[in-house]
Amino acid sequence: MNAQFLVIAKAPVPGRVKTRLCPPCSPHQAAAIAAAALADTLAAVDATPARRRTLVVDGDHPAPAGWAAVPQRGDGLGERLAHAFADTALPGVPSVLVGMDTPQLSPALLASAVDALDDADAALGPAADGGWWVLALREPAHAAALAAVPMSTADTGALTFAALHVLGLRTARLATLRDVDTAADARAVAAEHPRGRFADAVRAHLPASHGALR
């Protein structure tokens, strides 16, 4: 099944991204790690066959060559996610949305989300902290349900599954990934996936302790 991919992201501006890395990071160090995470995410999506790829961005950040770009809109994350699907919908084409917090993303993981839609209406990949890292929808309009789901909580994943169930959607559960919010997350993901811009950035910019700030 052919699909389009959406990456929802913030421009990696110091003080606006990865603030939970501070401390031990400085805002500039955290932004460098965020930029690397976004770059690895975009590269994984770019390497995956797609009908279209779109960067849904908060702030000023260039999309890769050949990508579309649309600004985020909405008051909260749930609304922004719902609008991301609505603003990019292609008739008859499923949409697969990921964020910038799982730089260990791979074309194989993305393909699993697309393949799940052969037998399901939706596919959701849980995150280890209770959220989710990917949502694939055969019909992008169903993302309107996200506007009422509390985001960034330990129940976000379960509540998203419930919201899709209320719509009567057959929802496949995908692999669970650890997203990067804290220094412990960043070190763990970089250790498990030592190649790539993200791992390099963690080694370069994540201090070993509060006293190691540069």
Protein backbone atom coordinates (compact mmCIF):
# COMPACT_ATOMS: atom_id res chain seq x y z
CA MET A 1 0.00 0.00 0.00
CA ASN A 2 1.34 3.42 -0.95
CA ALA A 3 1.13 6.13 1.70
CA GLN A 4 2.31 9.60 2.49
CA PHE A 5 4.52 10.39 5.47
CA LEU A 6 4.26 13.36 7.80
CA VAL A 7 6.98 14.46 10.22
CA ILE A 8 5.70 16.86 12.87
CA ALA A 9 8.56 18.82 14.38
CA LYS A 10 9.75 21.97 16.08
CA ALA A 11 12.56 24.00 14.63
CA PRO A 12 15.61 23.18 16.81
CA VAL A 13 15.91 26.59 18.47
CA PRO A 14 17.74 26.82 21.82
CA GLY A 15 15.28 27.16 24.69
CA ARG A 16 12.35 25.81 22.65
CA VAL A 17 13.28 22.16 22.11
CA LYS A 18 14.38 19.28 24.33
CA THR A 19 14.08 21.46 27.43
CA ARG A 20 13.92 18.35 29.63
CA LEU A 21 17.57 17.76 28.72
CA CYS A 22 18.41 20.96 30.64
CA PRO A 23 20.20 20.21 32.89
CA PRO A 24 22.60 18.56 32.27
CA CYS A 25 22.59 20.21 28.83
CA SER A 26 22.66 23.89 28.10
CA PRO A 27 19.86 25.10 25.80
CA HIS A 28 22.31 25.19 22.87
CA GLN A 29 23.47 21.64 23.56
CA ALA A 30 19.87 20.44 23.78
CA ALA A 31 19.06 22.17 20.48
CA ALA A 32 22.03 20.47 18.81
CA ILE A 33 20.76 17.07 19.98
CA ALA A 34 17.25 17.95 18.78
CA ALA A 35 18.60 18.99 15.37
CA ALA A 36 20.40 15.67 15.05
CA ALA A 37 17.29 13.72 16.06
CA LEU A 38 15.26 15.56 13.45
CA ALA A 39 17.92 15.00 10.79
CA ASP A 40 17.99 11.23 11.43
CA THR A 41 14.19 11.12 11.40
CA LEU A 42 13.97 12.95 8.09
CA ALA A 43 16.63 10.68 6.61
CA ALA A 44 14.71 7.54 7.62
CA VAL A 45 11.51 8.87 6.07
CA ASP A 46 13.38 10.00 2.96
CA ALA A 47 14.67 6.44 2.51
CA THR A 48 11.17 4.93 2.68
CA PRO A 49 9.00 4.68 -0.45
CA ALA A 50 6.13 7.18 -0.25
CA ARG A 51 3.55 8.98 -2.33
CA ARG A 52 4.58 12.24 -0.66
CA ARG A 53 6.63 13.40 2.32
CA THR A 54 5.70 16.51 4.31
CA LEU A 55 7.41 18.36 7.15
CA VAL A 56 4.77 19.82 9.47
CA VAL A 57 6.85 22.40 11.26
CA ASP A 58 6.55 24.80 14.18
CA GLY A 59 9.02 27.53 13.42
CA ASP A 60 11.46 28.08 10.58
CA HIS A 61 13.20 24.92 9.40
CA PRO A 62 13.81 23.88 5.80
CA ALA A 63 12.26 20.71 4.43
CA PRO A 64 14.51 18.29 2.58
CA ALA A 65 14.65 18.49 -1.21
CA GLY A 66 11.54 17.03 -2.77
CA TRP A 67 9.46 17.39 0.41
CA ALA A 68 6.40 19.54 1.00
CA ALA A 69 6.19 21.74 4.09
CA VAL A 70 3.21 23.09 6.00
CA PRO A 71 3.09 25.08 9.25
CA GLN A 72 1.60 23.62 12.39
CA ARG A 73 -1.65 25.15 13.58
CA GLY A 74 -3.84 24.67 16.63
CA ASP A 75 -3.70 25.52 20.32
CA GLY A 76 -2.52 22.22 21.79
CA LEU A 77 -0.62 19.20 20.52
CA GLY A 78 -3.80 17.21 19.94
CA GLU A 79 -5.21 19.94 17.71
CA ARG A 80 -1.88 20.31 15.90
CA LEU A 81 -1.79 16.59 15.16
CA ALA A 82 -5.37 16.60 13.91
CA HIS A 83 -4.70 19.60 11.67
CA ALA A 84 -1.49 18.02 10.38
CA PHE A 85 -3.47 15.11 8.99
CA ALA A 86 -6.27 17.36 7.68
CA ASP A 87 -3.99 19.92 6.06
CA THR A 88 -2.01 17.31 4.12
CA ALA A 89 -4.69 14.75 3.19
CA LEU A 90 -4.54 13.24 -0.28
CA PRO A 91 -7.72 11.58 -1.61
CA GLY A 92 -7.50 7.82 -1.25
CA VAL A 93 -3.98 7.90 0.24
CA PRO A 94 -3.27 6.79 3.83
CA SER A 95 -1.17 9.06 6.04
CA VAL A 96 1.58 8.02 8.46
CA LEU A 97 2.71 10.57 11.06
CA VAL A 98 5.83 10.49 13.21
CA GLY A 99 7.55 13.04 15.41
CA MET A 100 11.21 13.93 15.97
CA ASP A 101 11.68 12.13 19.30
CA THR A 102 12.55 8.67 17.93
CA PRO A 103 15.78 9.10 15.96
CA GLN A 104 16.20 5.30 15.95
CA LEU A 105 13.44 5.22 13.34
CA SER A 106 14.17 3.07 10.30
CA PRO A 107 12.58 2.43 6.91
CA ALA A 108 11.64 -1.05 8.14
CA LEU A 109 9.71 0.38 11.10
CA LEU A 110 7.97 2.87 8.85
CA ALA A 111 7.11 0.15 6.34
CA SER A 112 5.55 -1.89 9.14
CA ALA A 113 3.11 0.96 9.80
CA VAL A 114 2.13 1.11 6.15
CA ASP A 115 1.83 -2.66 5.83
CA ALA A 116 -0.43 -2.82 8.89
CA LEU A 117 -3.05 -0.83 6.97
CA ASP A 118 -3.53 -3.76 4.60
CA ASP A 119 -5.68 -5.37 7.30
CA ALA A 120 -6.47 -2.47 9.64
CA ASP A 121 -7.94 1.02 9.52
CA ALA A 122 -5.26 2.47 11.77
CA ALA A 123 -1.91 1.49 13.25
CA LEU A 124 -0.39 2.94 16.43
CA GLY A 125 3.14 2.47 17.74
CA PRO A 126 3.31 2.89 21.52
CA ALA A 127 6.16 4.74 23.21
CA ALA A 128 7.76 3.36 26.35
CA ASP A 129 6.64 6.39 28.39
CA GLY A 130 2.95 5.81 27.63
CA GLY A 131 2.67 7.98 24.54
CA TRP A 132 3.07 6.92 20.92
CA TRP A 133 5.64 7.43 18.19
CA VAL A 134 3.66 6.72 15.01
CA LEU A 135 0.05 6.88 13.90
CA ALA A 136 -1.00 5.53 10.51
CA LEU A 137 -4.51 6.17 9.26
CA ARG A 138 -6.14 4.73 6.17
CA GLU A 139 -8.51 7.72 6.28
CA PRO A 140 -6.72 10.88 7.52
CA ALA A 141 -10.01 12.53 8.51
CA HIS A 142 -10.20 10.14 11.48
CA ALA A 143 -7.36 12.13 13.08
CA ALA A 144 -9.97 14.67 14.20
CA ALA A 145 -10.41 12.44 17.25
CA LEU A 146 -6.92 13.40 18.44
CA ALA A 147 -8.03 16.92 19.34
CA ALA A 148 -9.81 15.55 22.43
CA VAL A 149 -6.99 13.23 23.57
CA PRO A 150 -4.74 14.55 26.38
CA MET A 151 -1.18 14.57 25.07
CA SER A 152 2.18 14.12 26.78
CA THR A 153 0.79 12.00 29.61
CA ALA A 154 1.42 8.42 30.70
CA ASP A 155 -2.05 7.55 29.34
CA THR A 156 -1.80 9.21 25.92
CA GLY A 157 -1.22 5.96 24.06
CA ALA A 158 -4.07 4.12 25.79
CA LEU A 159 -6.41 7.08 25.32
CA THR A 160 -5.51 7.30 21.64
CA PHE A 161 -6.27 3.59 21.19
CA ALA A 162 -9.60 4.21 22.95
CA ALA A 163 -10.45 7.19 20.74
CA LEU A 164 -9.80 5.14 17.61
CA HIS A 165 -11.91 2.30 19.02
CA VAL A 166 -14.82 4.69 19.60
CA LEU A 167 -14.70 5.48 15.88
CA GLY A 168 -15.02 1.77 15.15
CA LEU A 169 -11.56 1.54 13.63
CA ARG A 170 -9.61 -1.71 13.52
CA THR A 171 -6.31 -0.59 15.03
CA ALA A 172 -3.07 -2.53 14.78
CA ARG A 173 -0.49 -2.24 17.56
CA LEU A 174 3.07 -1.72 16.30
CA ALA A 175 6.44 -2.09 18.02
CA THR A 176 7.11 -0.07 21.15
CA LEU A 177 9.96 2.47 20.93
CA ARG A 178 11.66 4.61 23.55
CA ASP A 179 11.33 8.27 22.72
CA VAL A 180 13.89 10.84 23.75
CA ASP A 181 12.75 13.26 26.43
CA THR A 182 15.37 13.04 29.18
CA ALA A 183 19.12 12.60 29.38
CA ALA A 184 18.62 8.96 30.35
CA ASP A 185 16.48 8.45 27.24
CA ALA A 186 19.09 10.09 25.03
CA ARG A 187 21.92 7.97 26.41
CA ALA A 188 19.90 4.75 26.10
CA VAL A 189 18.81 5.36 22.51
CA ALA A 190 22.31 6.45 21.47
CA ALA A 191 23.80 3.32 23.05
CA GLU A 192 21.33 1.05 21.27
CA HIS A 193 21.78 2.86 17.95
CA PRO A 194 25.36 4.16 18.00
CA ARG A 195 25.49 5.20 14.37
CA GLY A 196 23.91 8.32 13.01
CA ARG A 197 23.77 12.02 13.72
CA PHE A 198 21.82 11.60 16.94
CA ALA A 199 24.33 9.28 18.60
CA ASP A 200 27.17 11.56 17.49
CA ALA A 201 25.36 14.58 18.94
CA VAL A 202 24.71 12.84 22.26
CA ARG A 203 28.39 11.97 22.54
CA ALA A 204 29.39 15.53 21.66
CA HIS A 205 26.79 17.55 23.56
CA LEU A 206 25.34 15.56 26.47
CA PRO A 207 27.50 16.16 29.56
CA ALA A 208 28.24 13.24 31.83
CA SER A 209 27.14 15.28 34.85
CA HIS A 210 25.89 18.72 35.84
CA GLY A 211 29.48 19.77 36.43
CA ALA A 212 30.40 18.97 32.85
CA LEU A 213 28.42 21.82 31.30
CA ARG A 214 30.34 23.72 28.65
